Each structure stands twice: as structure tokens, then as C-alpha cells.
Amino acid sequence: MNTYSLGHLYHLSRLHRVNFLTAGVRGLHDRAEILRHLDRLLKEDTAIDMMTEQQLHEQFYLRRLQYDGLSEEKMKCLLKNWVQHLTDPCLETSLFLHVPIFETALKSAAEDLKPIQKS
């Protein structure tokens, strides 16, 4: 994370709602570790299957993931995939913090690639 510009770190901090002026890069690392711990707890349990739609929204919000228009089953599936893949201890913190940006970009690209339906 030391190679990113101050502007980049500032915007990453805003995405994750970390006050960059007071917490700095350490605040981003702390947020990533808290989320990783939460993910490990969810991975070990069947908690995701028992979550209500509101609880799923909260989990997506904590991770800054988009959930608009997703069914409860789709949210559960996506959260399980998130937990399965992002609990890898080899995953670098900077990549972990950028995943919501990549997820939004992929969703946007998928929307753009949908075939135009003829009336």
C-alpha cells in the first residue's frame, strides 16, 4: 500500500469509511483485518444460510458490495463465495480492500454486455 498515491489512498479510505487524516493507512489495514476475522467466523459456521434479508444487506454493506436487485438466495450465494475466496491468508490487504471496486466494475461491464432485446 506504500506505492499508492495519497489521492488513491484517500479515495480508498472514503470507500471503506475510514478517516484517512486520523487513521491513515493503519486504519485501512485495521478495517481489512476486522473484515477478514468476520469472514473467517462466517466460513466456519452455517450462519449465512440462516441470515435474513436484512442481515445479508448488512453483510454486503460492511464489505461495500452492491446488493441492489439481488434475491436473498443470490446474496447468500455471493456472500458464501466471498467468504470462501477472500479468507485466503495469502491474499494481500491492498487487493482485499480493492475487491468492492472490482466487483462494481464487473457488474457494470456485465450490464453493458447484455444483448439489446428487440421489441
PDB file of N, CA and C in Angstrom:
ATOM      1  N   MET A   1       0.824  -1.189   0.000  1.00  0.00           N
ATOM      2  CA  MET A   1       0.000   0.000   0.000  1.00  0.00           C
ATOM      3  C   MET A   1       0.875   1.262   0.000  1.00  0.00           C
ATOM      4  N   ASN A   2       2.146   1.084   0.237  1.00  0.00           N
ATOM      5  CA  ASN A   2       3.046   2.234   0.269  1.00  0.00           C
ATOM      6  C   ASN A   2       3.275   2.837  -1.110  1.00  0.00           C
ATOM      7  N   THR A   3       2.926   2.099  -2.166  1.00  0.00           N
ATOM      8  CA  THR A   3       3.176   2.599  -3.519  1.00  0.00           C
ATOM      9  C   THR A   3       2.017   3.424  -4.073  1.00  0.00           C
ATOM     10  N   TYR A   4       0.899   3.461  -3.378  1.00  0.00           N
ATOM     11  CA  TYR A   4      -0.259   4.213  -3.864  1.00  0.00           C
ATOM     12  C   TYR A   4      -0.112   5.690  -3.544  1.00  0.00           C
ATOM     13  N   SER A   5      -0.655   6.510  -4.430  1.00  0.00           N
ATOM     14  CA  SER A   5      -0.621   7.955  -4.201  1.00  0.00           C
ATOM     15  C   SER A   5      -1.537   8.315  -3.035  1.00  0.00           C
ATOM     16  N   LEU A   6      -1.328   9.487  -2.479  1.00  0.00           N
ATOM     17  CA  LEU A   6      -2.189   9.955  -1.388  1.00  0.00           C
ATOM     18  C   LEU A   6      -3.635  10.064  -1.848  1.00  0.00           C
ATOM     19  N   GLY A   7      -3.837  10.497  -3.080  1.00  0.00           N
ATOM     20  CA  GLY A   7      -5.195  10.599  -3.617  1.00  0.00           C
ATOM     21  C   GLY A   7      -5.876   9.245  -3.687  1.00  0.00           C
ATOM     22  N   HIS A   8      -5.130   8.252  -4.133  1.00  0.00           N
ATOM     23  CA  HIS A   8      -5.675   6.896  -4.229  1.00  0.00           C
ATOM     24  C   HIS A   8      -6.047   6.380  -2.837  1.00  0.00           C
ATOM     25  N   LEU A   9      -5.148   6.549  -1.880  1.00  0.00           N
ATOM     26  CA  LEU A   9      -5.412   6.102  -0.509  1.00  0.00           C
ATOM     27  C   LEU A   9      -6.591   6.855   0.101  1.00  0.00           C
ATOM     28  N   TYR A  10      -6.683   8.138  -0.213  1.00  0.00           N
ATOM     29  CA  TYR A  10      -7.801   8.933   0.293  1.00  0.00           C
ATOM     30  C   TYR A  10      -9.134   8.371  -0.213  1.00  0.00           C
ATOM     31  N   HIS A  11      -9.218   8.090  -1.515  1.00  0.00           N
ATOM     32  CA  HIS A  11     -10.470   7.574  -2.084  1.00  0.00           C
ATOM     33  C   HIS A  11     -10.772   6.162  -1.594  1.00  0.00           C
ATOM     34  N   LEU A  12      -9.751   5.356  -1.416  1.00  0.00           N
ATOM     35  CA  LEU A  12      -9.945   4.022  -0.854  1.00  0.00           C
ATOM     36  C   LEU A  12     -10.463   4.132   0.586  1.00  0.00           C
ATOM     37  N   SER A  13      -9.932   5.087   1.326  1.00  0.00           N
ATOM     38  CA  SER A  13     -10.403   5.335   2.697  1.00  0.00           C
ATOM     39  C   SER A  13     -11.856   5.787   2.707  1.00  0.00           C
ATOM     40  N   ARG A  14     -12.216   6.633   1.769  1.00  0.00           N
ATOM     41  CA  ARG A  14     -13.614   7.085   1.690  1.00  0.00           C
ATOM     42  C   ARG A  14     -14.551   5.930   1.390  1.00  0.00           C
ATOM     43  N   LEU A  15     -14.155   5.051   0.470  1.00  0.00           N
ATOM     44  CA  LEU A  15     -14.971   3.887   0.142  1.00  0.00           C
ATOM     45  C   LEU A  15     -15.235   3.053   1.389  1.00  0.00           C
ATOM     46  N   HIS A  16     -14.197   2.851   2.184  1.00  0.00           N
ATOM     47  CA  HIS A  16     -14.317   1.998   3.366  1.00  0.00           C
ATOM     48  C   HIS A  16     -14.691   2.778   4.628  1.00  0.00           C
ATOM     49  N   ARG A  17     -14.954   4.049   4.463  1.00  0.00           N
ATOM     50  CA  ARG A  17     -15.362   4.914   5.571  1.00  0.00           C
ATOM     51  C   ARG A  17     -14.351   4.920   6.721  1.00  0.00           C
ATOM     52  N   VAL A  18     -13.103   5.029   6.335  1.00  0.00           N
ATOM     53  CA  VAL A  18     -12.009   5.161   7.291  1.00  0.00           C
ATOM     54  C   VAL A  18     -11.511   6.593   7.173  1.00  0.00           C
ATOM     55  N   ASN A  19     -11.372   7.289   8.287  1.00  0.00           N
ATOM     56  CA  ASN A  19     -10.884   8.656   8.249  1.00  0.00           C
ATOM     57  C   ASN A  19      -9.382   8.630   7.981  1.00  0.00           C
ATOM     58  N   PHE A  20      -9.006   8.979   6.764  1.00  0.00           N
ATOM     59  CA  PHE A  20      -7.604   8.890   6.362  1.00  0.00           C
ATOM     60  C   PHE A  20      -6.732   9.877   7.125  1.00  0.00           C
ATOM     61  N   LEU A  21      -7.290  11.030   7.477  1.00  0.00           N
ATOM     62  CA  LEU A  21      -6.495  12.039   8.176  1.00  0.00           C
ATOM     63  C   LEU A  21      -6.118  11.600   9.585  1.00  0.00           C
ATOM     64  N   THR A  22      -7.000  10.866  10.252  1.00  0.00           N
ATOM     65  CA  THR A  22      -6.697  10.440  11.624  1.00  0.00           C
ATOM     66  C   THR A  22      -6.190   9.002  11.701  1.00  0.00           C
ATOM     67  N   ALA A  23      -6.677   8.130  10.831  1.00  0.00           N
ATOM     68  CA  ALA A  23      -6.305   6.713  10.921  1.00  0.00           C
ATOM     69  C   ALA A  23      -5.231   6.313   9.914  1.00  0.00           C
ATOM     70  N   GLY A  24      -5.170   7.006   8.793  1.00  0.00           N
ATOM     71  CA  GLY A  24      -4.163   6.722   7.786  1.00  0.00           C
ATOM     72  C   GLY A  24      -4.239   5.315   7.222  1.00  0.00           C
ATOM     73  N   VAL A  25      -3.116   4.853   6.718  1.00  0.00           N
ATOM     74  CA  VAL A  25      -3.029   3.519   6.123  1.00  0.00           C
ATOM     75  C   VAL A  25      -3.308   2.458   7.180  1.00  0.00           C
ATOM     76  N   ARG A  26      -2.914   2.723   8.410  1.00  0.00           N
ATOM     77  CA  ARG A  26      -3.165   1.770   9.504  1.00  0.00           C
ATOM     78  C   ARG A  26      -4.666   1.519   9.655  1.00  0.00           C
ATOM     79  N   GLY A  27      -5.476   2.548   9.489  1.00  0.00           N
ATOM     80  CA  GLY A  27      -6.923   2.390   9.578  1.00  0.00           C
ATOM     81  C   GLY A  27      -7.464   1.462   8.499  1.00  0.00           C
ATOM     82  N   LEU A  28      -6.897   1.553   7.294  1.00  0.00           N
ATOM     83  CA  LEU A  28      -7.304   0.652   6.210  1.00  0.00           C
ATOM     84  C   LEU A  28      -6.911  -0.788   6.530  1.00  0.00           C
ATOM     85  N   HIS A  29      -5.697  -0.960   7.045  1.00  0.00           N
ATOM     86  CA  HIS A  29      -5.257  -2.305   7.433  1.00  0.00           C
ATOM     87  C   HIS A  29      -6.152  -2.872   8.540  1.00  0.00           C
ATOM     88  N   ASP A  30      -6.471  -2.037   9.517  1.00  0.00           N
ATOM     89  CA  ASP A  30      -7.335  -2.490  10.616  1.00  0.00           C
ATOM     90  C   ASP A  30      -8.705  -2.914  10.102  1.00  0.00           C
ATOM     91  N   ARG A  31      -9.265  -2.130   9.199  1.00  0.00           N
ATOM     92  CA  ARG A  31     -10.575  -2.475   8.636  1.00  0.00           C
ATOM     93  C   ARG A  31     -10.505  -3.808   7.894  1.00  0.00           C
ATOM     94  N   ALA A  32      -9.462  -3.996   7.124  1.00  0.00           N
ATOM     95  CA  ALA A  32      -9.303  -5.258   6.392  1.00  0.00           C
ATOM     96  C   ALA A  32      -9.203  -6.433   7.360  1.00  0.00           C
ATOM     97  N   GLU A  33      -8.472  -6.273   8.437  1.00  0.00           N
ATOM     98  CA  GLU A  33      -8.322  -7.364   9.405  1.00  0.00           C
ATOM     99  C   GLU A  33      -9.634  -7.671  10.117  1.00  0.00           C
ATOM    100  N   ILE A  34     -10.401  -6.656  10.433  1.00  0.00           N
ATOM    101  CA  ILE A  34     -11.712  -6.876  11.062  1.00  0.00           C
ATOM    102  C   ILE A  34     -12.619  -7.661  10.118  1.00  0.00           C
ATOM    103  N   LEU A  35     -12.651  -7.257   8.850  1.00  0.00           N
ATOM    104  CA  LEU A  35     -13.481  -7.967   7.873  1.00  0.00           C
ATOM    105  C   LEU A  35     -12.990  -9.397   7.653  1.00  0.00           C
ATOM    106  N   ARG A  36     -11.688  -9.575   7.635  1.00  0.00           N
ATOM    107  CA  ARG A  36     -11.148 -10.931   7.468  1.00  0.00           C
ATOM    108  C   ARG A  36     -11.544 -11.822   8.642  1.00  0.00           C
ATOM    109  N   HIS A  37     -11.493 -11.265   9.838  1.00  0.00           N
ATOM    110  CA  HIS A  37     -11.900 -12.036  11.020  1.00  0.00           C
ATOM    111  C   HIS A  37     -13.381 -12.404  10.926  1.00  0.00           C
ATOM    112  N   LEU A  38     -14.203 -11.451  10.553  1.00  0.00           N
ATOM    113  CA  LEU A  38     -15.633 -11.712  10.384  1.00  0.00           C
ATOM    114  C   LEU A  38     -15.863 -12.779   9.309  1.00  0.00           C
ATOM    115  N   ASP A  39     -15.131 -12.696   8.217  1.00  0.00           N
ATOM    116  CA  ASP A  39     -15.253 -13.693   7.145  1.00  0.00           C
ATOM    117  C   ASP A  39     -14.871 -15.089   7.628  1.00  0.00           C
ATOM    118  N   ARG A  40     -13.799 -15.173   8.421  1.00  0.00           N
ATOM    119  CA  ARG A  40     -13.399 -16.486   8.947  1.00  0.00           C
ATOM    120  C   ARG A  40     -14.483 -17.072   9.844  1.00  0.00           C
ATOM    121  N   LEU A  41     -15.119 -16.224  10.644  1.00  0.00           N
ATOM    122  CA  LEU A  41     -16.208 -16.698  11.502  1.00  0.00           C
ATOM    123  C   LEU A  41     -17.386 -17.192  10.668  1.00  0.00           C
ATOM    124  N   LEU A  42     -17.707 -16.474   9.605  1.00  0.00           N
ATOM    125  CA  LEU A  42     -18.813 -16.887   8.741  1.00  0.00           C
ATOM    126  C   LEU A  42     -18.481 -18.157   7.968  1.00  0.00           C
ATOM    127  N   LYS A  43     -17.219 -18.350   7.650  1.00  0.00           N
ATOM    128  CA  LYS A  43     -16.809 -19.528   6.889  1.00  0.00           C
ATOM    129  C   LYS A  43     -16.948 -20.798   7.724  1.00  0.00           C
ATOM    130  N   GLU A  44     -16.705 -20.689   9.021  1.00  0.00           N
ATOM    131  CA  GLU A  44     -16.732 -21.849   9.901  1.00  0.00           C
ATOM    132  C   GLU A  44     -18.139 -22.242  10.323  1.00  0.00           C
ATOM    133  N   ASP A  45     -19.105 -21.454  10.006  1.00  0.00           N
ATOM    134  CA  ASP A  45     -20.449 -21.645  10.532  1.00  0.00           C
ATOM    135  C   ASP A  45     -21.455 -21.721   9.381  1.00  0.00           C
ATOM    136  N   THR A  46     -22.656 -22.134   9.705  1.00  0.00           N
ATOM    137  CA  THR A  46     -23.738 -22.133   8.714  1.00  0.00           C
ATOM    138  C   THR A  46     -24.559 -20.856   8.835  1.00  0.00           C
ATOM    139  N   ALA A  47     -23.947 -19.837   9.399  1.00  0.00           N
ATOM    140  CA  ALA A  47     -24.657 -18.589   9.670  1.00  0.00           C
ATOM    141  C   ALA A  47     -25.242 -17.955   8.416  1.00  0.00           C
ATOM    142  N   ILE A  48     -24.560 -18.042   7.305  1.00  0.00           N
ATOM    143  CA  ILE A  48     -25.033 -17.395   6.076  1.00  0.00           C
ATOM    144  C   ILE A  48     -26.377 -17.963   5.652  1.00  0.00           C
ATOM    145  N   ASP A  49     -26.529 -19.272   5.751  1.00  0.00           N
ATOM    146  CA  ASP A  49     -27.792 -19.906   5.356  1.00  0.00           C
ATOM    147  C   ASP A  49     -28.963 -19.468   6.223  1.00  0.00           C
ATOM    148  N   MET A  50     -28.678 -19.079   7.454  1.00  0.00           N
ATOM    149  CA  MET A  50     -29.750 -18.706   8.377  1.00  0.00           C
ATOM    150  C   MET A  50     -29.992 -17.198   8.437  1.00  0.00           C
ATOM    151  N   MET A  51     -29.268 -16.414   7.645  1.00  0.00           N
ATOM    152  CA  MET A  51     -29.415 -14.959   7.672  1.00  0.00           C
ATOM    153  C   MET A  51     -30.715 -14.519   7.016  1.00  0.00           C
ATOM    154  N   THR A  52     -31.281 -13.468   7.590  1.00  0.00           N
ATOM    155  CA  THR A  52     -32.446 -12.835   6.984  1.00  0.00           C
ATOM    156  C   THR A  52     -31.958 -11.905   5.872  1.00  0.00           C
ATOM    157  N   GLU A  53     -32.891 -11.419   5.095  1.00  0.00           N
ATOM    158  CA  GLU A  53     -32.517 -10.495   4.020  1.00  0.00           C
ATOM    159  C   GLU A  53     -31.863  -9.241   4.595  1.00  0.00           C
ATOM    160  N   GLN A  54     -32.363  -8.742   5.715  1.00  0.00           N
ATOM    161  CA  GLN A  54     -31.779  -7.560   6.356  1.00  0.00           C
ATOM    162  C   GLN A  54     -30.337  -7.830   6.802  1.00  0.00           C
ATOM    163  N   GLN A  55     -30.091  -8.989   7.375  1.00  0.00           N
ATOM    164  CA  GLN A  55     -28.737  -9.341   7.802  1.00  0.00           C
ATOM    165  C   GLN A  55     -27.799  -9.463   6.605  1.00  0.00           C
ATOM    166  N   LEU A  56     -28.305  -9.995   5.511  1.00  0.00           N
ATOM    167  CA  LEU A  56     -27.497 -10.077   4.291  1.00  0.00           C
ATOM    168  C   LEU A  56     -27.153  -8.685   3.776  1.00  0.00           C
ATOM    169  N   HIS A  57     -28.134  -7.783   3.799  1.00  0.00           N
ATOM    170  CA  HIS A  57     -27.870  -6.399   3.382  1.00  0.00           C
ATOM    171  C   HIS A  57     -26.766  -5.798   4.247  1.00  0.00           C
ATOM    172  N   GLU A  58     -26.823  -6.060   5.555  1.00  0.00           N
ATOM    173  CA  GLU A  58     -25.803  -5.528   6.462  1.00  0.00           C
ATOM    174  C   GLU A  58     -24.424  -6.087   6.136  1.00  0.00           C
ATOM    175  N   GLN A  59     -24.348  -7.383   5.838  1.00  0.00           N
ATOM    176  CA  GLN A  59     -23.067  -8.002   5.493  1.00  0.00           C
ATOM    177  C   GLN A  59     -22.514  -7.428   4.189  1.00  0.00           C
ATOM    178  N   PHE A  60     -23.381  -7.221   3.216  1.00  0.00           N
ATOM    179  CA  PHE A  60     -22.942  -6.620   1.953  1.00  0.00           C
ATOM    180  C   PHE A  60     -22.494  -5.179   2.189  1.00  0.00           C
ATOM    181  N   TYR A  61     -23.233  -4.449   3.010  1.00  0.00           N
ATOM    182  CA  TYR A  61     -22.887  -3.060   3.302  1.00  0.00           C
ATOM    183  C   TYR A  61     -21.524  -2.977   3.995  1.00  0.00           C
ATOM    184  N   LEU A  62     -21.283  -3.845   4.964  1.00  0.00           N
ATOM    185  CA  LEU A  62     -19.998  -3.847   5.666  1.00  0.00           C
ATOM    186  C   LEU A  62     -18.833  -4.041   4.705  1.00  0.00           C
ATOM    187  N   ARG A  63     -19.048  -4.839   3.683  1.00  0.00           N
ATOM    188  CA  ARG A  63     -17.995  -5.153   2.716  1.00  0.00           C
ATOM    189  C   ARG A  63     -18.008  -4.202   1.521  1.00  0.00           C
ATOM    190  N   ARG A  64     -18.941  -3.269   1.524  1.00  0.00           N
ATOM    191  CA  ARG A  64     -19.108  -2.288   0.447  1.00  0.00           C
ATOM    192  C   ARG A  64     -19.415  -2.966  -0.882  1.00  0.00           C
ATOM    193  N   LEU A  65     -20.228  -4.020  -0.834  1.00  0.00           N
ATOM    194  CA  LEU A  65     -20.639  -4.733  -2.040  1.00  0.00           C
ATOM    195  C   LEU A  65     -22.034  -4.293  -2.448  1.00  0.00           C
ATOM    196  N   GLN A  66     -22.319  -4.332  -3.729  1.00  0.00           N
ATOM    197  CA  GLN A  66     -23.623  -3.941  -4.258  1.00  0.00           C
ATOM    198  C   GLN A  66     -24.611  -5.088  -4.100  1.00  0.00           C
ATOM    199  N   TYR A  67     -25.798  -4.785  -3.617  1.00  0.00           N
ATOM    200  CA  TYR A  67     -26.821  -5.826  -3.472  1.00  0.00           C
ATOM    201  C   TYR A  67     -28.145  -5.429  -4.107  1.00  0.00           C
ATOM    202  N   ASP A  68     -28.195  -4.296  -4.750  1.00  0.00           N
ATOM    203  CA  ASP A  68     -29.433  -3.836  -5.383  1.00  0.00           C
ATOM    204  C   ASP A  68     -29.927  -4.847  -6.403  1.00  0.00           C
ATOM    205  N   GLY A  69     -31.186  -5.228  -6.272  1.00  0.00           N
ATOM    206  CA  GLY A  69     -31.811  -6.114  -7.242  1.00  0.00           C
ATOM    207  C   GLY A  69     -31.475  -7.588  -7.088  1.00  0.00           C
ATOM    208  N   LEU A  70     -30.716  -7.947  -6.056  1.00  0.00           N
ATOM    209  CA  LEU A  70     -30.364  -9.353  -5.863  1.00  0.00           C
ATOM    210  C   LEU A  70     -31.386 -10.046  -4.965  1.00  0.00           C
ATOM    211  N   SER A  71     -31.699 -11.271  -5.310  1.00  0.00           N
ATOM    212  CA  SER A  71     -32.603 -12.055  -4.461  1.00  0.00           C
ATOM    213  C   SER A  71     -31.839 -12.501  -3.215  1.00  0.00           C
ATOM    214  N   GLU A  72     -32.588 -12.944  -2.220  1.00  0.00           N
ATOM    215  CA  GLU A  72     -31.977 -13.424  -0.985  1.00  0.00           C
ATOM    216  C   GLU A  72     -31.046 -14.608  -1.266  1.00  0.00           C
ATOM    217  N   GLU A  73     -31.480 -15.520  -2.127  1.00  0.00           N
ATOM    218  CA  GLU A  73     -30.653 -16.685  -2.462  1.00  0.00           C
ATOM    219  C   GLU A  73     -29.366 -16.274  -3.175  1.00  0.00           C
ATOM    220  N   LYS A  74     -29.471 -15.305  -4.085  1.00  0.00           N
ATOM    221  CA  LYS A  74     -28.290 -14.826  -4.809  1.00  0.00           C
ATOM    222  C   LYS A  74     -27.319 -14.143  -3.841  1.00  0.00           C
ATOM    223  N   MET A  75     -27.852 -13.368  -2.896  1.00  0.00           N
ATOM    224  CA  MET A  75     -26.987 -12.722  -1.908  1.00  0.00           C
ATOM    225  C   MET A  75     -26.264 -13.759  -1.059  1.00  0.00           C
ATOM    226  N   LYS A  76     -26.970 -14.806  -0.658  1.00  0.00           N
ATOM    227  CA  LYS A  76     -26.339 -15.869   0.137  1.00  0.00           C
ATOM    228  C   LYS A  76     -25.231 -16.540  -0.662  1.00  0.00           C
ATOM    229  N   CYS A  77     -25.498 -16.811  -1.913  1.00  0.00           N
ATOM    230  CA  CYS A  77     -24.508 -17.451  -2.783  1.00  0.00           C
ATOM    231  C   CYS A  77     -23.270 -16.559  -2.943  1.00  0.00           C
ATOM    232  N   LEU A  78     -23.481 -15.279  -3.200  1.00  0.00           N
ATOM    233  CA  LEU A  78     -22.362 -14.352  -3.375  1.00  0.00           C
ATOM    234  C   LEU A  78     -21.562 -14.184  -2.091  1.00  0.00           C
ATOM    235  N   LEU A  79     -22.251 -14.117  -0.951  1.00  0.00           N
ATOM    236  CA  LEU A  79     -21.552 -13.971   0.324  1.00  0.00           C
ATOM    237  C   LEU A  79     -20.741 -15.232   0.635  1.00  0.00           C
ATOM    238  N   LYS A  80     -21.294 -16.398   0.330  1.00  0.00           N
ATOM    239  CA  LYS A  80     -20.536 -17.647   0.528  1.00  0.00           C
ATOM    240  C   LYS A  80     -19.290 -17.664  -0.352  1.00  0.00           C
ATOM    241  N   ASN A  81     -19.424 -17.228  -1.600  1.00  0.00           N
ATOM    242  CA  ASN A  81     -18.265 -17.161  -2.498  1.00  0.00           C
ATOM    243  C   ASN A  81     -17.227 -16.177  -1.981  1.00  0.00           C
ATOM    244  N   TRP A  82     -17.695 -15.025  -1.522  1.00  0.00           N
ATOM    245  CA  TRP A  82     -16.797 -14.018  -0.947  1.00  0.00           C
ATOM    246  C   TRP A  82     -15.998 -14.632   0.195  1.00  0.00           C
ATOM    247  N   VAL A  83     -16.704 -15.251   1.133  1.00  0.00           N
ATOM    248  CA  VAL A  83     -16.065 -15.824   2.318  1.00  0.00           C
ATOM    249  C   VAL A  83     -15.100 -16.949   1.926  1.00  0.00           C
ATOM    250  N   GLN A  84     -15.500 -17.755   0.977  1.00  0.00           N
ATOM    251  CA  GLN A  84     -14.649 -18.871   0.554  1.00  0.00           C
ATOM    252  C   GLN A  84     -13.339 -18.379  -0.058  1.00  0.00           C
ATOM    253  N   HIS A  85     -13.421 -17.374  -0.913  1.00  0.00           N
ATOM    254  CA  HIS A  85     -12.237 -16.947  -1.656  1.00  0.00           C
ATOM    255  C   HIS A  85     -11.417 -15.876  -0.950  1.00  0.00           C
ATOM    256  N   LEU A  86     -12.041 -15.061  -0.141  1.00  0.00           N
ATOM    257  CA  LEU A  86     -11.307 -13.942   0.451  1.00  0.00           C
ATOM    258  C   LEU A  86     -10.797 -14.222   1.858  1.00  0.00           C
ATOM    259  N   THR A  87     -10.931 -15.447   2.323  1.00  0.00           N
ATOM    260  CA  THR A  87     -10.329 -15.806   3.608  1.00  0.00           C
ATOM    261  C   THR A  87      -8.942 -16.415   3.411  1.00  0.00           C
ATOM    262  N   ASP A  88      -8.468 -16.449   2.184  1.00  0.00           N
ATOM    263  CA  ASP A  88      -7.130 -16.965   1.890  1.00  0.00           C
ATOM    264  C   ASP A  88      -6.097 -16.072   2.579  1.00  0.00           C
ATOM    265  N   PRO A  89      -5.276 -16.645   3.467  1.00  0.00           N
ATOM    266  CA  PRO A  89      -4.299 -15.820   4.193  1.00  0.00           C
ATOM    267  C   PRO A  89      -3.230 -15.207   3.284  1.00  0.00           C
ATOM    268  N   CYS A  90      -3.075 -15.734   2.077  1.00  0.00           N
ATOM    269  CA  CYS A  90      -2.078 -15.194   1.140  1.00  0.00           C
ATOM    270  C   CYS A  90      -2.575 -13.947   0.405  1.00  0.00           C
ATOM    271  N   LEU A  91      -3.859 -13.657   0.509  1.00  0.00           N
ATOM    272  CA  LEU A  91      -4.436 -12.503  -0.179  1.00  0.00           C
ATOM    273  C   LEU A  91      -3.914 -11.214   0.452  1.00  0.00           C
ATOM    274  N   GLU A  92      -3.332 -10.383  -0.365  1.00  0.00           N
ATOM    275  CA  GLU A  92      -2.764  -9.135   0.144  1.00  0.00           C
ATOM    276  C   GLU A  92      -3.860  -8.163   0.568  1.00  0.00           C
ATOM    277  N   THR A  93      -3.558  -7.383   1.582  1.00  0.00           N
ATOM    278  CA  THR A  93      -4.521  -6.431   2.126  1.00  0.00           C
ATOM    279  C   THR A  93      -4.998  -5.448   1.066  1.00  0.00           C
ATOM    280  N   SER A  94      -4.085  -4.959   0.235  1.00  0.00           N
ATOM    281  CA  SER A  94      -4.496  -3.968  -0.765  1.00  0.00           C
ATOM    282  C   SER A  94      -5.490  -4.564  -1.753  1.00  0.00           C
ATOM    283  N   LEU A  95      -5.283  -5.810  -2.157  1.00  0.00           N
ATOM    284  CA  LEU A  95      -6.231  -6.457  -3.066  1.00  0.00           C
ATOM    285  C   LEU A  95      -7.573  -6.647  -2.370  1.00  0.00           C
ATOM    286  N   PHE A  96      -7.537  -7.081  -1.133  1.00  0.00           N
ATOM    287  CA  PHE A  96      -8.758  -7.276  -0.354  1.00  0.00           C
ATOM    288  C   PHE A  96      -9.576  -5.981  -0.296  1.00  0.00           C
ATOM    289  N   LEU A  97      -8.904  -4.863  -0.069  1.00  0.00           N
ATOM    290  CA  LEU A  97      -9.597  -3.579   0.039  1.00  0.00           C
ATOM    291  C   LEU A  97     -10.125  -3.080  -1.305  1.00  0.00           C
ATOM    292  N   HIS A  98      -9.534  -3.534  -2.404  1.00  0.00           N
ATOM    293  CA  HIS A  98      -9.970  -3.112  -3.732  1.00  0.00           C
ATOM    294  C   HIS A  98     -11.078  -3.984  -4.319  1.00  0.00           C
ATOM    295  N   VAL A  99     -11.365  -5.125  -3.733  1.00  0.00           N
ATOM    296  CA  VAL A  99     -12.362  -6.046  -4.288  1.00  0.00           C
ATOM    297  C   VAL A  99     -13.718  -5.373  -4.526  1.00  0.00           C
ATOM    298  N   PRO A 100     -14.237  -4.538  -3.610  1.00  0.00           N
ATOM    299  CA  PRO A 100     -15.533  -3.897  -3.909  1.00  0.00           C
ATOM    300  C   PRO A 100     -15.504  -3.055  -5.187  1.00  0.00           C
ATOM    301  N   ILE A 101     -14.371  -2.450  -5.483  1.00  0.00           N
ATOM    302  CA  ILE A 101     -14.241  -1.651  -6.704  1.00  0.00           C
ATOM    303  C   ILE A 101     -14.292  -2.568  -7.922  1.00  0.00           C
ATOM    304  N   PHE A 102     -13.553  -3.676  -7.854  1.00  0.00           N
ATOM    305  CA  PHE A 102     -13.556  -4.630  -8.965  1.00  0.00           C
ATOM    306  C   PHE A 102     -14.939  -5.227  -9.168  1.00  0.00           C
ATOM    307  N   GLU A 103     -15.603  -5.542  -8.066  1.00  0.00           N
ATOM    308  CA  GLU A 103     -16.941  -6.142  -8.144  1.00  0.00           C
ATOM    309  C   GLU A 103     -17.920  -5.190  -8.821  1.00  0.00           C
ATOM    310  N   THR A 104     -17.851  -3.920  -8.477  1.00  0.00           N
ATOM    311  CA  THR A 104     -18.728  -2.922  -9.085  1.00  0.00           C
ATOM    312  C   THR A 104     -18.407  -2.766 -10.574  1.00  0.00           C
ATOM    313  N   ALA A 105     -17.122  -2.751 -10.907  1.00  0.00           N
ATOM    314  CA  ALA A 105     -16.722  -2.618 -12.313  1.00  0.00           C
ATOM    315  C   ALA A 105     -17.190  -3.822 -13.132  1.00  0.00           C
ATOM    316  N   LEU A 106     -17.061  -5.022 -12.575  1.00  0.00           N
ATOM    317  CA  LEU A 106     -17.508  -6.219 -13.289  1.00  0.00           C
ATOM    318  C   LEU A 106     -19.015  -6.216 -13.485  1.00  0.00           C
ATOM    319  N   LYS A 107     -19.736  -5.787 -12.463  1.00  0.00           N
ATOM    320  CA  LYS A 107     -21.196  -5.725 -12.563  1.00  0.00           C
ATOM    321  C   LYS A 107     -21.595  -4.726 -13.646  1.00  0.00           C
ATOM    322  N   SER A 108     -20.909  -3.599 -13.678  1.00  0.00           N
ATOM    323  CA  SER A 108     -21.182  -2.566 -14.677  1.00  0.00           C
ATOM    324  C   SER A 108     -20.874  -3.080 -16.080  1.00  0.00           C
ATOM    325  N   ALA A 109     -19.752  -3.766 -16.225  1.00  0.00           N
ATOM    326  CA  ALA A 109     -19.376  -4.306 -17.534  1.00  0.00           C
ATOM    327  C   ALA A 109     -20.372  -5.361 -17.991  1.00  0.00           C
ATOM    328  N   ALA A 110     -20.832  -6.185 -17.068  1.00  0.00           N
ATOM    329  CA  ALA A 110     -21.812  -7.222 -17.414  1.00  0.00           C
ATOM    330  C   ALA A 110     -23.115  -6.592 -17.884  1.00  0.00           C
ATOM    331  N   GLU A 111     -23.510  -5.497 -17.247  1.00  0.00           N
ATOM    332  CA  GLU A 111     -24.728  -4.791 -17.663  1.00  0.00           C
ATOM    333  C   GLU A 111     -24.562  -4.236 -19.074  1.00  0.00           C
ATOM    334  N   ASP A 112     -23.371  -3.707 -19.366  1.00  0.00           N
ATOM    335  CA  ASP A 112     -23.110  -3.144 -20.693  1.00  0.00           C
ATOM    336  C   ASP A 112     -23.091  -4.217 -21.777  1.00  0.00           C
ATOM    337  N   LEU A 113     -22.724  -5.438 -21.406  1.00  0.00           N
ATOM    338  CA  LEU A 113     -22.614  -6.521 -22.382  1.00  0.00           C
ATOM    339  C   LEU A 113     -23.919  -7.259 -22.625  1.00  0.00           C
ATOM    340  N   LYS A 114     -24.941  -6.972 -21.835  1.00  0.00           N
ATOM    341  CA  LYS A 114     -26.227  -7.643 -22.044  1.00  0.00           C
ATOM    342  C   LYS A 114     -26.729  -7.322 -23.442  1.00  0.00           C
ATOM    343  N   PRO A 115     -27.196  -8.338 -24.141  1.00  0.00           N
ATOM    344  CA  PRO A 115     -27.694  -8.078 -25.501  1.00  0.00           C
ATOM    345  C   PRO A 115     -28.928  -7.181 -25.470  1.00  0.00           C
ATOM    346  N   ILE A 116     -29.008  -6.353 -26.451  1.00  0.00           N
ATOM    347  CA  ILE A 116     -30.164  -5.466 -26.566  1.00  0.00           C
ATOM    348  C   ILE A 116     -31.337  -6.283 -27.075  1.00  0.00           C
ATOM    349  N   GLN A 117     -32.421  -6.251 -26.330  1.00  0.00           N
ATOM    350  CA  GLN A 117     -33.605  -7.017 -26.720  1.00  0.00           C
ATOM    351  C   GLN A 117     -34.432  -6.203 -27.700  1.00  0.00           C
ATOM    352  N   LYS A 118     -34.858  -6.871 -28.773  1.00  0.00           N
ATOM    353  CA  LYS A 118     -35.684  -6.199 -29.775  1.00  0.00           C
ATOM    354  C   LYS A 118     -37.131  -6.224 -29.329  1.00  0.00           C
ATOM    355  N   SER A 119     -37.827  -5.143 -29.583  1.00  0.00           N
ATOM    356  CA  SER A 119     -39.240  -5.061 -29.202  1.00  0.00           C
ATOM    357  C   SER A 119     -40.117  -5.717 -30.220  1.00  0.00           C
TER     358      SER A 119
END
